[in-house]
């Protein structure tokens, strides 16, 4: 596992091998298609990018706490990449949102964004779009 230090914004690029319906906190039931997802979050708090390690623990089953929307999806995905930058979280999410499908309301209950979770059937295209959103 790569250790990421400091603070900033991150995007988890994940693969969901099989479509499934999940109850996601107050959002209710959502069907997630098989494919690739990009979740953008903020690591500006005291722990900084240690939040990414927590997400990996939830994905692996080491941590079963459900604190954020992403915690409901993580146990079913494989985290393929973590892209980080010092760009604002909502700017990165908006950059991804221009090109990829979104899961409405996911991960953005504390801002005005449409979503912080995006979907694609194409892993390469998703990674290109995520990298671009972090660079702009």
C-alpha atoms as a PDB file:
ATOM      1  CA  UNK A   1       0.000   0.000   0.000  1.00  0.00           C
ATOM      2  CA  UNK A   2       1.327   3.425  -0.938  1.00  0.00           C
ATOM      3  CA  UNK A   3       1.419   5.883   1.938  1.00  0.00           C
ATOM      4  CA  UNK A   4       0.125   9.316   0.986  1.00  0.00           C
ATOM      5  CA  UNK A   5       1.224  12.167   3.202  1.00  0.00           C
ATOM      6  CA  UNK A   6      -0.157  15.635   3.743  1.00  0.00           C
ATOM      7  CA  UNK A   7      -3.580  17.043   3.028  1.00  0.00           C
ATOM      8  CA  UNK A   8      -5.628  17.720  -0.082  1.00  0.00           C
ATOM      9  CA  UNK A   9      -8.194  16.115  -2.346  1.00  0.00           C
ATOM     10  CA  UNK A  10      -8.282  12.505  -3.475  1.00  0.00           C
ATOM     11  CA  UNK A  11     -10.208  10.432  -5.977  1.00  0.00           C
ATOM     12  CA  UNK A  12     -10.563   6.692  -5.508  1.00  0.00           C
ATOM     13  CA  UNK A  13     -10.823   4.862  -8.840  1.00  0.00           C
ATOM     14  CA  UNK A  14     -12.632   1.579  -8.179  1.00  0.00           C
ATOM     15  CA  UNK A  15     -13.973  -1.462 -10.005  1.00  0.00           C
ATOM     16  CA  UNK A  16     -17.306  -3.054  -9.170  1.00  0.00           C
ATOM     17  CA  UNK A  17     -17.202  -6.555 -10.667  1.00  0.00           C
ATOM     18  CA  UNK A  18     -20.917  -7.242 -10.428  1.00  0.00           C
ATOM     19  CA  UNK A  19     -23.917  -4.904 -10.433  1.00  0.00           C
ATOM     20  CA  UNK A  20     -25.818  -4.713  -7.163  1.00  0.00           C
ATOM     21  CA  UNK A  21     -28.446  -2.777  -5.254  1.00  0.00           C
ATOM     22  CA  UNK A  22     -27.272  -1.237  -1.987  1.00  0.00           C
ATOM     23  CA  UNK A  23     -28.932   0.803   0.735  1.00  0.00           C
ATOM     24  CA  UNK A  24     -26.817   3.945   1.095  1.00  0.00           C
ATOM     25  CA  UNK A  25     -27.752   5.707   4.318  1.00  0.00           C
ATOM     26  CA  UNK A  26     -30.342   8.447   3.844  1.00  0.00           C
ATOM     27  CA  UNK A  27     -30.029   8.197   0.024  1.00  0.00           C
ATOM     28  CA  UNK A  28     -31.897   4.889   0.194  1.00  0.00           C
ATOM     29  CA  UNK A  29     -31.517   2.024  -2.277  1.00  0.00           C
ATOM     30  CA  UNK A  30     -29.295   2.595  -5.294  1.00  0.00           C
ATOM     31  CA  UNK A  31     -28.463   0.152  -8.076  1.00  0.00           C
ATOM     32  CA  UNK A  32     -24.786   0.270  -9.018  1.00  0.00           C
ATOM     33  CA  UNK A  33     -23.966  -1.075 -12.476  1.00  0.00           C
ATOM     34  CA  UNK A  34     -20.929  -3.263 -13.000  1.00  0.00           C
ATOM     35  CA  UNK A  35     -18.032  -1.053 -14.037  1.00  0.00           C
ATOM     36  CA  UNK A  36     -15.729   1.664 -12.768  1.00  0.00           C
ATOM     37  CA  UNK A  37     -16.435   4.342 -10.205  1.00  0.00           C
ATOM     38  CA  UNK A  38     -14.531   7.462  -9.168  1.00  0.00           C
ATOM     39  CA  UNK A  39     -15.212   8.872  -5.706  1.00  0.00           C
ATOM     40  CA  UNK A  40     -13.773  12.298  -4.883  1.00  0.00           C
ATOM     41  CA  UNK A  41     -13.257  13.318  -1.279  1.00  0.00           C
ATOM     42  CA  UNK A  42     -11.459  15.797   0.910  1.00  0.00           C
ATOM     43  CA  UNK A  43      -8.523  15.002   3.163  1.00  0.00           C
ATOM     44  CA  UNK A  44      -8.093  18.436   4.703  1.00  0.00           C
ATOM     45  CA  UNK A  45      -8.821  17.470   8.309  1.00  0.00           C
ATOM     46  CA  UNK A  46      -6.311  16.646  11.041  1.00  0.00           C
ATOM     47  CA  UNK A  47      -5.604  13.164   9.644  1.00  0.00           C
ATOM     48  CA  UNK A  48      -5.082  14.370   6.076  1.00  0.00           C
ATOM     49  CA  UNK A  49      -4.683  11.535   3.582  1.00  0.00           C
ATOM     50  CA  UNK A  50      -4.983   8.945   6.367  1.00  0.00           C
ATOM     51  CA  UNK A  51      -8.647   8.997   5.321  1.00  0.00           C
ATOM     52  CA  UNK A  52      -7.581   7.030   2.226  1.00  0.00           C
ATOM     53  CA  UNK A  53      -6.133   4.311   4.503  1.00  0.00           C
ATOM     54  CA  UNK A  54      -9.492   4.210   6.303  1.00  0.00           C
ATOM     55  CA  UNK A  55     -11.294   3.758   2.967  1.00  0.00           C
ATOM     56  CA  UNK A  56      -8.946   0.865   2.140  1.00  0.00           C
ATOM     57  CA  UNK A  57      -9.730  -0.684   5.534  1.00  0.00           C
ATOM     58  CA  UNK A  58     -13.471  -0.436   4.834  1.00  0.00           C
ATOM     59  CA  UNK A  59     -12.966  -1.962   1.372  1.00  0.00           C
ATOM     60  CA  UNK A  60     -10.974  -4.880   2.842  1.00  0.00           C
ATOM     61  CA  UNK A  61     -13.446  -5.498   5.678  1.00  0.00           C
ATOM     62  CA  UNK A  62     -11.034  -4.452   8.467  1.00  0.00           C
ATOM     63  CA  UNK A  63     -13.315  -1.521   9.309  1.00  0.00           C
ATOM     64  CA  UNK A  64     -17.091  -2.009   9.092  1.00  0.00           C
ATOM     65  CA  UNK A  65     -18.160   1.469  10.238  1.00  0.00           C
ATOM     66  CA  UNK A  66     -20.591   3.314   7.969  1.00  0.00           C
ATOM     67  CA  UNK A  67     -19.762   7.009   8.389  1.00  0.00           C
ATOM     68  CA  UNK A  68     -19.966   8.334   4.806  1.00  0.00           C
ATOM     69  CA  UNK A  69     -21.915   7.372   1.667  1.00  0.00           C
ATOM     70  CA  UNK A  70     -18.815   5.733   0.172  1.00  0.00           C
ATOM     71  CA  UNK A  71     -18.628   3.313   3.122  1.00  0.00           C
ATOM     72  CA  UNK A  72     -21.693   1.481   1.783  1.00  0.00           C
ATOM     73  CA  UNK A  73     -20.040   0.825  -1.605  1.00  0.00           C
ATOM     74  CA  UNK A  74     -16.442   0.161  -0.545  1.00  0.00           C
ATOM     75  CA  UNK A  75     -16.913  -3.450   0.676  1.00  0.00           C
ATOM     76  CA  UNK A  76     -17.954  -4.444  -2.865  1.00  0.00           C
ATOM     77  CA  UNK A  77     -15.246  -2.743  -4.931  1.00  0.00           C
ATOM     78  CA  UNK A  78     -11.573  -3.104  -5.691  1.00  0.00           C
ATOM     79  CA  UNK A  79      -9.655   0.165  -5.311  1.00  0.00           C
ATOM     80  CA  UNK A  80      -7.480   0.409  -8.427  1.00  0.00           C
ATOM     81  CA  UNK A  81      -5.928   3.869  -8.088  1.00  0.00           C
ATOM     82  CA  UNK A  82      -5.831   6.828  -5.729  1.00  0.00           C
ATOM     83  CA  UNK A  83      -5.221  10.184  -7.406  1.00  0.00           C
ATOM     84  CA  UNK A  84      -4.378  13.147  -5.181  1.00  0.00           C
ATOM     85  CA  UNK A  85      -3.878  16.873  -5.583  1.00  0.00           C
ATOM     86  CA  UNK A  86      -4.242  20.170  -3.787  1.00  0.00           C
ATOM     87  CA  UNK A  87      -7.175  21.279  -5.959  1.00  0.00           C
ATOM     88  CA  UNK A  88     -10.484  21.940  -4.172  1.00  0.00           C
ATOM     89  CA  UNK A  89     -12.637  18.817  -3.803  1.00  0.00           C
ATOM     90  CA  UNK A  90     -15.673  20.313  -5.542  1.00  0.00           C
ATOM     91  CA  UNK A  91     -13.580  21.580  -8.468  1.00  0.00           C
ATOM     92  CA  UNK A  92     -12.222  18.080  -9.041  1.00  0.00           C
ATOM     93  CA  UNK A  93     -15.706  16.528  -8.768  1.00  0.00           C
ATOM     94  CA  UNK A  94     -17.101  19.133 -11.189  1.00  0.00           C
ATOM     95  CA  UNK A  95     -14.305  18.392 -13.672  1.00  0.00           C
ATOM     96  CA  UNK A  96     -15.157  14.692 -13.621  1.00  0.00           C
ATOM     97  CA  UNK A  97     -18.883  15.468 -13.739  1.00  0.00           C
ATOM     98  CA  UNK A  98     -18.551  17.227 -17.113  1.00  0.00           C
ATOM     99  CA  UNK A  99     -17.684  13.948 -18.832  1.00  0.00           C
ATOM    100  CA  UNK A 100     -18.850  10.940 -16.805  1.00  0.00           C
ATOM    101  CA  UNK A 101     -22.210   9.756 -15.520  1.00  0.00           C
ATOM    102  CA  UNK A 102     -22.941  10.637 -11.912  1.00  0.00           C
ATOM    103  CA  UNK A 103     -24.667   8.911  -9.021  1.00  0.00           C
ATOM    104  CA  UNK A 104     -26.953  11.786  -8.003  1.00  0.00           C
ATOM    105  CA  UNK A 105     -26.498  13.153  -4.491  1.00  0.00           C
ATOM    106  CA  UNK A 106     -23.729  10.714  -3.568  1.00  0.00           C
ATOM    107  CA  UNK A 107     -21.014  12.092  -1.299  1.00  0.00           C
ATOM    108  CA  UNK A 108     -22.082  15.716  -1.591  1.00  0.00           C
ATOM    109  CA  UNK A 109     -24.463  16.309   1.301  1.00  0.00           C
ATOM    110  CA  UNK A 110     -22.230  19.124   2.590  1.00  0.00           C
ATOM    111  CA  UNK A 111     -21.851  21.058  -0.685  1.00  0.00           C
ATOM    112  CA  UNK A 112     -23.801  22.132  -3.782  1.00  0.00           C
ATOM    113  CA  UNK A 113     -22.323  19.563  -6.199  1.00  0.00           C
ATOM    114  CA  UNK A 114     -24.518  17.145  -8.149  1.00  0.00           C
ATOM    115  CA  UNK A 115     -22.349  14.215  -7.020  1.00  0.00           C
ATOM    116  CA  UNK A 116     -18.907  13.143  -5.877  1.00  0.00           C
ATOM    117  CA  UNK A 117     -19.317   9.621  -7.329  1.00  0.00           C
ATOM    118  CA  UNK A 118     -19.012   9.056 -11.066  1.00  0.00           C
ATOM    119  CA  UNK A 119     -19.370   6.004 -13.288  1.00  0.00           C
ATOM    120  CA  UNK A 120     -17.881   4.645 -16.494  1.00  0.00           C
ATOM    121  CA  UNK A 121     -17.712   1.296 -18.272  1.00  0.00           C
ATOM    122  CA  UNK A 122     -14.215   2.215 -19.515  1.00  0.00           C
ATOM    123  CA  UNK A 123     -11.386   2.144 -16.942  1.00  0.00           C
ATOM    124  CA  UNK A 124      -8.828   3.898 -19.154  1.00  0.00           C
ATOM    125  CA  UNK A 125     -11.182   6.750 -20.019  1.00  0.00           C
ATOM    126  CA  UNK A 126     -12.113   7.176 -16.370  1.00  0.00           C
ATOM    127  CA  UNK A 127      -8.504   7.352 -15.227  1.00  0.00           C
ATOM    128  CA  UNK A 128      -7.676   9.932 -17.940  1.00  0.00           C
ATOM    129  CA  UNK A 129     -10.628  12.099 -16.885  1.00  0.00           C
ATOM    130  CA  UNK A 130      -9.762  11.827 -13.170  1.00  0.00           C
ATOM    131  CA  UNK A 131      -6.105  12.719 -13.796  1.00  0.00           C
ATOM    132  CA  UNK A 132      -7.154  15.705 -15.897  1.00  0.00           C
ATOM    133  CA  UNK A 133      -9.588  16.924 -13.220  1.00  0.00           C
ATOM    134  CA  UNK A 134      -6.790  16.843 -10.638  1.00  0.00           C
ATOM    135  CA  UNK A 135      -4.352  18.687 -12.943  1.00  0.00           C
ATOM    136  CA  UNK A 136      -6.496  21.570 -14.230  1.00  0.00           C
END
